[in-house]
Amino acid sequence: METEEAVNEHSGKPMTDETKTTPGVTYFYQGEGQTHPLFRIAEGIPCRSAREQASELMGYARDLSLTGLMDGDQQMLWASHYFAAMAKALLDDAELGLLR
């Protein structure tokens, strides 16, 4: 059984883990029972770059959550929560791109 190889739609060349991009299908919802997404991950971001940016967001989320806990600052905790959710959306879309 032959498997279909992912091909870059612009160049027509086979895609590798180095050239695979986000498909742009992951939405970011925030809050309980929300039915309208705040944003969607853009199509065409190199997966490596998306993962690097997600790592940056997670670092900020970690720092904000620690500061928020130490200072008792709810706004920092909520900002941390949003950054973590944004990072998850990036990682989810990058994973879909890598599996293509």
Protein backbone atom coordinates (compact mmCIF):
# COMPACT_ATOMS: atom_id res chain seq x y z
CA MET A 1 0.00 0.00 0.00
CA GLU A 2 1.48 3.34 -1.03
CA THR A 3 1.32 6.29 1.30
CA GLU A 4 0.69 9.75 0.00
CA GLU A 5 3.59 12.12 0.63
CA ALA A 6 2.81 15.64 1.86
CA VAL A 7 3.71 18.23 -0.77
CA ASN A 8 4.17 21.99 -0.35
CA GLU A 9 1.23 23.56 -2.17
CA HIS A 10 3.36 26.49 -3.41
CA SER A 11 6.58 24.77 -4.49
CA GLY A 12 5.26 21.28 -5.21
CA LYS A 13 8.23 19.82 -3.32
CA PRO A 14 7.87 17.09 -0.67
CA MET A 15 7.47 18.43 2.86
CA THR A 16 9.88 17.36 5.60
CA ASP A 17 9.73 18.01 9.34
CA GLU A 18 11.87 21.08 8.57
CA THR A 19 9.43 22.48 5.98
CA LYS A 20 6.03 21.42 7.35
CA THR A 21 3.70 24.23 8.36
CA THR A 22 0.64 24.77 10.49
CA PRO A 23 -2.64 23.92 8.74
CA GLY A 24 -4.43 26.80 10.48
CA VAL A 25 -7.36 24.81 11.80
CA THR A 26 -6.95 25.20 15.57
CA TYR A 27 -9.15 27.79 17.28
CA PHE A 28 -8.59 29.45 20.64
CA TYR A 29 -11.63 29.64 22.90
CA GLN A 30 -11.42 31.19 26.34
CA GLY A 31 -13.89 30.98 29.17
CA GLU A 32 -16.52 28.50 30.21
CA GLY A 33 -19.16 27.67 27.61
CA GLN A 34 -17.73 30.00 24.95
CA THR A 35 -18.93 29.30 21.42
CA HIS A 36 -17.04 32.07 19.61
CA PRO A 37 -13.29 31.66 19.17
CA LEU A 38 -11.03 34.59 20.01
CA PHE A 39 -8.56 33.63 17.29
CA ARG A 40 -7.35 30.85 15.02
CA ILE A 41 -3.76 29.83 14.40
CA ALA A 42 -2.65 31.13 11.00
CA GLU A 43 -1.99 28.69 8.19
CA GLY A 44 1.56 28.39 6.91
CA ILE A 45 3.63 29.05 10.03
CA PRO A 46 6.67 26.74 10.00
CA CYS A 47 5.98 24.10 12.68
CA ARG A 48 9.42 24.61 14.20
CA SER A 49 8.72 28.33 14.59
CA ALA A 50 5.26 27.69 16.04
CA ARG A 51 6.76 25.35 18.63
CA GLU A 52 9.45 27.90 19.52
CA GLN A 53 6.81 30.60 19.99
CA ALA A 54 4.71 28.25 22.11
CA SER A 55 7.75 27.65 24.30
CA GLU A 56 8.17 31.42 24.72
CA LEU A 57 4.51 31.79 25.69
CA MET A 58 4.82 28.96 28.21
CA GLY A 59 7.85 30.67 29.75
CA TYR A 60 5.86 33.87 30.15
CA ALA A 61 2.93 31.91 31.58
CA ARG A 62 5.24 30.27 34.11
CA ASP A 63 6.73 33.62 35.17
CA LEU A 64 3.34 35.32 35.41
CA SER A 65 1.82 32.48 37.42
CA LEU A 66 4.70 32.49 39.91
CA THR A 67 4.56 36.27 40.32
CA GLY A 68 0.77 36.19 40.53
CA LEU A 69 0.86 33.53 43.24
CA MET A 70 3.59 35.26 45.24
CA ASP A 71 1.94 38.70 45.00
CA GLY A 72 -1.67 37.49 45.18
CA ASP A 73 -2.33 39.20 41.83
CA GLN A 74 -5.34 37.63 40.08
CA GLN A 75 -4.71 39.56 36.85
CA MET A 76 -1.29 37.96 36.46
CA LEU A 77 -2.79 34.54 37.08
CA TRP A 78 -5.45 35.11 34.42
CA ALA A 79 -2.83 36.42 31.97
CA SER A 80 -0.82 33.26 32.64
CA HIS A 81 -3.90 31.17 31.95
CA TYR A 82 -4.47 32.92 28.60
CA PHE A 83 -0.82 32.55 27.55
CA ALA A 84 -0.92 28.83 28.39
CA ALA A 85 -4.09 28.38 26.31
CA MET A 86 -2.54 30.28 23.40
CA ALA A 87 0.59 28.12 23.59
CA LYS A 88 -1.56 24.98 23.60
CA ALA A 89 -3.38 26.13 20.46
CA LEU A 90 -0.03 26.74 18.73
CA LEU A 91 1.30 23.34 19.78
CA ASP A 92 -1.90 21.56 18.71
CA ASP A 93 -1.80 23.14 15.25
CA ALA A 94 1.93 22.49 14.86
CA GLU A 95 1.32 18.84 15.74
CA LEU A 96 -1.37 18.61 13.06
CA GLY A 97 1.07 20.14 10.59
CA LEU A 98 3.79 17.64 11.47
CA LEU A 99 1.39 14.71 11.03
CA ARG A 100 0.47 15.74 7.46
